[in-house]
Amino acid sequence: MSIATEVQNKPITLTQGALNQLRRIHQEQNLSEEHGLRIGVKGGGCSGFSYVLGFDVQKDKDDVYEMEGFKVFMEKSHAIYLLGMEIDWIDGLNNRGFTFSNPNAKDTCGCGTSFSA
């Protein structure tokens, strides 16, 4: 089975802060061009689902997106939970990390990495 490389319209938004941090991580980990950013969901967390964000290689079930020089991989079945989401990076005194603003989430937990749909 061959892996599709068709580039689709962007289902999510990465802020400039998130892009800067992702570029730094990609460079620090010395990842190849084959590695792209995986965005998804998995069962678990305080509210039912938690977000997946990390570098990975493309799998058969993935849709591929091009975002500001990044290949972004997302399983087709995850799009219903993620369409319209914005990923940002915050670097404050009390909080540091990626944040997820998801219009599809009916409820979120206090940590901001878990949601229900």
N, C-alpha and C. Protein backbone atom coordinates (compact mmCIF):
# COMPACT_ATOMS: atom_id res chain seq x y z
N MET A 1 0.84 -1.17 0.00
CA MET A 1 0.00 0.00 0.00
C MET A 1 0.88 1.24 0.00
N SER A 2 0.62 2.18 -0.87
CA SER A 2 1.43 3.40 -0.90
C SER A 2 0.81 4.47 -0.04
N ILE A 3 1.62 5.33 0.47
CA ILE A 3 1.15 6.42 1.32
C ILE A 3 0.88 7.62 0.43
N ALA A 4 -0.31 8.20 0.58
CA ALA A 4 -0.68 9.37 -0.21
C ALA A 4 0.12 10.58 0.24
N THR A 5 0.45 11.42 -0.71
CA THR A 5 1.18 12.64 -0.37
C THR A 5 0.41 13.88 -0.79
N GLU A 6 -0.87 13.72 -1.10
CA GLU A 6 -1.70 14.86 -1.49
C GLU A 6 -1.80 15.83 -0.32
N VAL A 7 -1.60 17.10 -0.59
CA VAL A 7 -1.66 18.13 0.45
C VAL A 7 -3.07 18.70 0.48
N GLN A 8 -3.67 18.76 1.63
CA GLN A 8 -5.05 19.20 1.82
C GLN A 8 -5.09 20.63 2.40
N ASN A 9 -6.31 21.21 2.44
CA ASN A 9 -6.51 22.50 3.10
C ASN A 9 -6.26 22.36 4.59
N LYS A 10 -5.90 23.46 5.23
CA LYS A 10 -5.53 23.42 6.65
C LYS A 10 -6.76 23.29 7.55
N PRO A 11 -6.81 22.25 8.37
CA PRO A 11 -7.95 22.07 9.27
C PRO A 11 -7.77 22.80 10.60
N ILE A 12 -6.53 23.16 10.93
CA ILE A 12 -6.23 23.82 12.21
C ILE A 12 -5.32 25.01 11.95
N THR A 13 -5.07 25.78 13.01
CA THR A 13 -4.18 26.93 12.93
C THR A 13 -3.04 26.75 13.92
N LEU A 14 -1.84 27.03 13.47
CA LEU A 14 -0.66 27.08 14.36
C LEU A 14 -0.25 28.54 14.47
N THR A 15 -0.21 29.08 15.69
CA THR A 15 0.19 30.46 15.87
C THR A 15 1.70 30.59 15.63
N GLN A 16 2.16 31.83 15.50
CA GLN A 16 3.59 32.07 15.29
C GLN A 16 4.40 31.53 16.47
N GLY A 17 3.88 31.69 17.69
CA GLY A 17 4.57 31.17 18.87
C GLY A 17 4.71 29.66 18.83
N ALA A 18 3.65 28.97 18.42
CA ALA A 18 3.70 27.51 18.29
C ALA A 18 4.68 27.10 17.20
N LEU A 19 4.63 27.79 16.06
CA LEU A 19 5.55 27.48 14.96
C LEU A 19 7.00 27.65 15.38
N ASN A 20 7.30 28.73 16.09
CA ASN A 20 8.68 28.97 16.54
C ASN A 20 9.16 27.85 17.45
N GLN A 21 8.30 27.43 18.38
CA GLN A 21 8.68 26.37 19.32
C GLN A 21 8.83 25.03 18.60
N LEU A 22 7.93 24.74 17.66
CA LEU A 22 8.01 23.48 16.91
C LEU A 22 9.28 23.43 16.06
N ARG A 23 9.65 24.55 15.45
CA ARG A 23 10.91 24.60 14.67
C ARG A 23 12.11 24.34 15.57
N ARG A 24 12.09 24.93 16.77
CA ARG A 24 13.19 24.74 17.73
C ARG A 24 13.30 23.26 18.12
N ILE A 25 12.17 22.64 18.42
CA ILE A 25 12.16 21.23 18.82
C ILE A 25 12.64 20.35 17.66
N HIS A 26 12.15 20.61 16.46
CA HIS A 26 12.52 19.84 15.28
C HIS A 26 14.03 19.90 15.07
N GLN A 27 14.61 21.08 15.22
CA GLN A 27 16.05 21.26 15.03
C GLN A 27 16.84 20.60 16.16
N GLU A 28 16.40 20.79 17.41
CA GLU A 28 17.11 20.20 18.55
C GLU A 28 17.13 18.68 18.48
N GLN A 29 16.05 18.08 17.98
CA GLN A 29 15.97 16.63 17.90
C GLN A 29 16.59 16.09 16.62
N ASN A 30 17.08 17.00 15.77
CA ASN A 30 17.76 16.63 14.53
C ASN A 30 16.93 15.63 13.71
N LEU A 31 15.66 15.99 13.50
CA LEU A 31 14.74 15.12 12.79
C LEU A 31 14.90 15.26 11.28
N SER A 32 14.61 14.20 10.55
CA SER A 32 14.73 14.20 9.09
C SER A 32 13.53 14.90 8.45
N GLU A 33 13.64 15.12 7.16
CA GLU A 33 12.55 15.71 6.39
C GLU A 33 11.33 14.79 6.36
N GLU A 34 11.56 13.51 6.59
CA GLU A 34 10.47 12.53 6.60
C GLU A 34 9.53 12.74 7.78
N HIS A 35 10.04 13.32 8.86
CA HIS A 35 9.24 13.54 10.06
C HIS A 35 8.38 14.78 9.89
N GLY A 36 7.12 14.62 10.25
CA GLY A 36 6.19 15.74 10.25
C GLY A 36 5.53 15.83 11.61
N LEU A 37 4.70 16.82 11.75
CA LEU A 37 4.01 17.06 13.01
C LEU A 37 2.72 16.25 13.05
N ARG A 38 2.58 15.39 14.04
CA ARG A 38 1.36 14.61 14.20
C ARG A 38 0.46 15.33 15.19
N ILE A 39 -0.79 15.56 14.75
CA ILE A 39 -1.80 16.17 15.60
C ILE A 39 -2.98 15.22 15.63
N GLY A 40 -3.46 14.91 16.82
CA GLY A 40 -4.57 13.97 16.92
C GLY A 40 -5.20 13.98 18.29
N VAL A 41 -6.02 12.98 18.53
CA VAL A 41 -6.66 12.79 19.82
C VAL A 41 -6.52 11.33 20.23
N LYS A 42 -6.65 11.10 21.52
CA LYS A 42 -6.69 9.73 22.03
C LYS A 42 -7.63 9.71 23.22
N GLY A 43 -8.18 8.56 23.49
CA GLY A 43 -9.06 8.42 24.64
C GLY A 43 -8.28 8.59 25.93
N GLY A 44 -8.90 9.21 26.90
CA GLY A 44 -8.26 9.40 28.20
C GLY A 44 -8.28 10.86 28.61
N GLY A 45 -7.60 11.15 29.67
CA GLY A 45 -7.60 12.51 30.21
C GLY A 45 -8.80 12.71 31.11
N CYS A 46 -8.86 13.83 31.77
CA CYS A 46 -9.92 14.11 32.75
C CYS A 46 -11.29 14.21 32.11
N SER A 47 -11.37 14.64 30.84
CA SER A 47 -12.65 14.92 30.22
C SER A 47 -13.05 13.93 29.12
N GLY A 48 -12.25 12.92 28.86
CA GLY A 48 -12.63 11.91 27.87
C GLY A 48 -11.64 11.74 26.73
N PHE A 49 -11.11 12.84 26.20
CA PHE A 49 -10.12 12.81 25.14
C PHE A 49 -8.94 13.67 25.54
N SER A 50 -7.76 13.32 25.06
CA SER A 50 -6.62 14.20 25.23
C SER A 50 -5.95 14.38 23.87
N TYR A 51 -5.21 15.47 23.73
CA TYR A 51 -4.58 15.81 22.46
C TYR A 51 -3.26 15.07 22.28
N VAL A 52 -2.93 14.77 21.03
CA VAL A 52 -1.65 14.20 20.64
C VAL A 52 -0.94 15.24 19.81
N LEU A 53 0.29 15.56 20.18
CA LEU A 53 1.09 16.53 19.45
C LEU A 53 2.54 16.09 19.54
N GLY A 54 3.15 15.79 18.40
CA GLY A 54 4.54 15.35 18.40
C GLY A 54 5.00 15.06 16.98
N PHE A 55 6.27 14.80 16.82
CA PHE A 55 6.82 14.51 15.50
C PHE A 55 6.78 13.02 15.23
N ASP A 56 6.44 12.68 13.99
CA ASP A 56 6.24 11.28 13.61
C ASP A 56 6.43 11.16 12.10
N VAL A 57 6.40 9.94 11.60
CA VAL A 57 6.42 9.71 10.16
C VAL A 57 4.99 9.41 9.71
N GLN A 58 4.74 9.61 8.43
CA GLN A 58 3.41 9.43 7.87
C GLN A 58 2.97 7.97 7.92
N LYS A 59 1.69 7.77 8.24
CA LYS A 59 1.07 6.44 8.27
C LYS A 59 0.00 6.37 7.19
N ASP A 60 -0.44 5.16 6.86
CA ASP A 60 -1.43 4.95 5.80
C ASP A 60 -2.74 5.70 6.03
N LYS A 61 -3.18 5.83 7.27
CA LYS A 61 -4.48 6.44 7.58
C LYS A 61 -4.43 7.96 7.63
N ASP A 62 -3.27 8.57 7.40
CA ASP A 62 -3.11 10.01 7.58
C ASP A 62 -3.57 10.85 6.40
N ASP A 63 -4.15 11.99 6.70
CA ASP A 63 -4.26 13.08 5.75
C ASP A 63 -3.01 13.92 5.96
N VAL A 64 -2.51 14.55 4.90
CA VAL A 64 -1.28 15.35 4.99
C VAL A 64 -1.61 16.79 4.66
N TYR A 65 -1.10 17.70 5.48
CA TYR A 65 -1.31 19.13 5.30
C TYR A 65 0.05 19.81 5.29
N GLU A 66 0.15 20.92 4.60
CA GLU A 66 1.37 21.73 4.60
C GLU A 66 1.05 23.01 5.35
N MET A 67 1.79 23.28 6.44
CA MET A 67 1.55 24.48 7.25
C MET A 67 2.87 25.15 7.57
N GLU A 68 3.10 26.27 6.93
CA GLU A 68 4.27 27.10 7.23
C GLU A 68 5.56 26.28 7.20
N GLY A 69 5.72 25.42 6.21
CA GLY A 69 6.93 24.64 6.07
C GLY A 69 6.92 23.31 6.80
N PHE A 70 5.86 23.02 7.54
CA PHE A 70 5.74 21.74 8.23
C PHE A 70 4.79 20.83 7.48
N LYS A 71 5.14 19.55 7.40
CA LYS A 71 4.17 18.54 7.01
C LYS A 71 3.41 18.21 8.29
N VAL A 72 2.10 18.23 8.20
CA VAL A 72 1.26 17.91 9.35
C VAL A 72 0.46 16.65 9.02
N PHE A 73 0.53 15.68 9.91
CA PHE A 73 -0.17 14.41 9.74
C PHE A 73 -1.34 14.35 10.72
N MET A 74 -2.51 13.96 10.20
CA MET A 74 -3.69 13.81 11.03
C MET A 74 -4.51 12.64 10.49
N GLU A 75 -4.86 11.73 11.37
CA GLU A 75 -5.72 10.63 10.95
C GLU A 75 -7.08 11.19 10.53
N LYS A 76 -7.61 10.64 9.44
CA LYS A 76 -8.89 11.12 8.91
C LYS A 76 -9.98 11.13 9.98
N SER A 77 -10.01 10.11 10.81
CA SER A 77 -11.07 9.98 11.82
C SER A 77 -10.95 11.02 12.94
N HIS A 78 -9.82 11.70 13.06
CA HIS A 78 -9.64 12.68 14.12
C HIS A 78 -10.13 14.06 13.73
N ALA A 79 -10.32 14.31 12.43
CA ALA A 79 -10.67 15.65 11.95
C ALA A 79 -11.95 16.17 12.60
N ILE A 80 -12.93 15.33 12.82
CA ILE A 80 -14.20 15.77 13.41
C ILE A 80 -13.98 16.43 14.78
N TYR A 81 -12.96 16.01 15.49
CA TYR A 81 -12.68 16.57 16.81
C TYR A 81 -11.76 17.80 16.75
N LEU A 82 -11.05 17.97 15.65
CA LEU A 82 -9.99 18.99 15.61
C LEU A 82 -10.21 20.16 14.65
N LEU A 83 -11.17 20.06 13.74
CA LEU A 83 -11.38 21.12 12.76
C LEU A 83 -11.59 22.47 13.43
N GLY A 84 -10.83 23.46 13.00
CA GLY A 84 -10.96 24.80 13.54
C GLY A 84 -10.13 25.08 14.78
N MET A 85 -9.41 24.09 15.28
CA MET A 85 -8.61 24.25 16.49
C MET A 85 -7.40 25.14 16.25
N GLU A 86 -7.02 25.90 17.28
CA GLU A 86 -5.80 26.70 17.23
C GLU A 86 -4.83 26.18 18.28
N ILE A 87 -3.58 25.97 17.86
CA ILE A 87 -2.52 25.54 18.78
C ILE A 87 -1.58 26.71 18.96
N ASP A 88 -1.29 27.04 20.20
CA ASP A 88 -0.43 28.17 20.54
C ASP A 88 0.64 27.69 21.52
N TRP A 89 1.66 28.51 21.71
CA TRP A 89 2.70 28.27 22.70
C TRP A 89 2.70 29.44 23.66
N ILE A 90 2.62 29.16 24.95
CA ILE A 90 2.72 30.23 25.94
C ILE A 90 3.97 30.00 26.77
N ASP A 91 4.57 31.10 27.18
CA ASP A 91 5.81 31.04 27.95
C ASP A 91 5.72 32.11 29.03
N GLY A 92 4.94 31.82 30.06
CA GLY A 92 4.73 32.78 31.13
C GLY A 92 5.34 32.32 32.43
N LEU A 93 5.16 33.13 33.45
CA LEU A 93 5.70 32.80 34.77
C LEU A 93 5.02 31.59 35.39
N ASN A 94 3.70 31.49 35.22
CA ASN A 94 2.93 30.40 35.84
C ASN A 94 2.63 29.25 34.91
N ASN A 95 2.81 29.45 33.61
CA ASN A 95 2.42 28.43 32.65
C ASN A 95 3.37 28.46 31.46
N ARG A 96 3.74 27.29 30.99
CA ARG A 96 4.60 27.19 29.82
C ARG A 96 4.24 25.93 29.07
N GLY A 97 3.95 26.08 27.78
CA GLY A 97 3.64 24.90 26.98
C GLY A 97 2.67 25.22 25.86
N PHE A 98 2.29 24.17 25.15
CA PHE A 98 1.34 24.31 24.06
C PHE A 98 -0.06 24.39 24.63
N THR A 99 -0.89 25.23 24.03
CA THR A 99 -2.29 25.34 24.42
C THR A 99 -3.16 25.00 23.21
N PHE A 100 -4.35 24.49 23.49
CA PHE A 100 -5.26 24.05 22.46
C PHE A 100 -6.60 24.77 22.64
N SER A 101 -6.97 25.56 21.65
CA SER A 101 -8.27 26.24 21.66
C SER A 101 -9.14 25.54 20.62
N ASN A 102 -10.08 24.73 21.10
CA ASN A 102 -10.84 23.85 20.23
C ASN A 102 -12.33 24.21 20.25
N PRO A 103 -12.87 24.72 19.12
CA PRO A 103 -14.29 25.09 19.08
C PRO A 103 -15.22 23.88 19.15
N ASN A 104 -14.70 22.67 18.95
CA ASN A 104 -15.51 21.45 18.99
C ASN A 104 -15.65 20.87 20.39
N ALA A 105 -14.86 21.37 21.32
CA ALA A 105 -14.88 20.83 22.68
C ALA A 105 -16.11 21.35 23.43
N LYS A 106 -16.90 20.42 23.97
CA LYS A 106 -18.07 20.81 24.76
C LYS A 106 -17.66 21.15 26.18
N ASP A 107 -16.59 20.52 26.63
CA ASP A 107 -16.10 20.75 27.98
C ASP A 107 -14.61 20.50 28.00
N THR A 108 -13.87 21.25 28.79
CA THR A 108 -12.43 21.05 28.92
C THR A 108 -12.09 20.92 30.39
N CYS A 109 -10.91 20.39 30.66
CA CYS A 109 -10.47 20.26 32.05
C CYS A 109 -9.57 21.45 32.40
N GLY A 110 -9.20 21.53 33.63
CA GLY A 110 -8.36 22.63 34.10
C GLY A 110 -6.96 22.65 33.50
N CYS A 111 -6.44 21.49 33.10
CA CYS A 111 -5.08 21.43 32.56
C CYS A 111 -5.04 21.88 31.11
N GLY A 112 -6.20 21.92 30.42
CA GLY A 112 -6.24 22.40 29.04
C GLY A 112 -5.79 21.39 27.98
N THR A 113 -5.47 20.18 28.38
CA THR A 113 -5.04 19.18 27.41
C THR A 113 -6.05 18.04 27.26
N SER A 114 -7.21 18.18 27.90
CA SER A 114 -8.24 17.16 27.84
C SER A 114 -9.58 17.84 27.53
N PHE A 115 -10.45 17.13 26.80
CA PHE A 115 -11.74 17.71 26.43
C PHE A 115 -12.77 16.62 26.21
N SER A 116 -14.03 17.03 26.16
CA SER A 116 -15.10 16.13 25.75
C SER A 116 -15.77 16.72 24.52
N ALA A 117 -16.33 15.84 23.69
CA ALA A 117 -16.96 16.30 22.45
C ALA A 117 -18.42 15.89 22.41
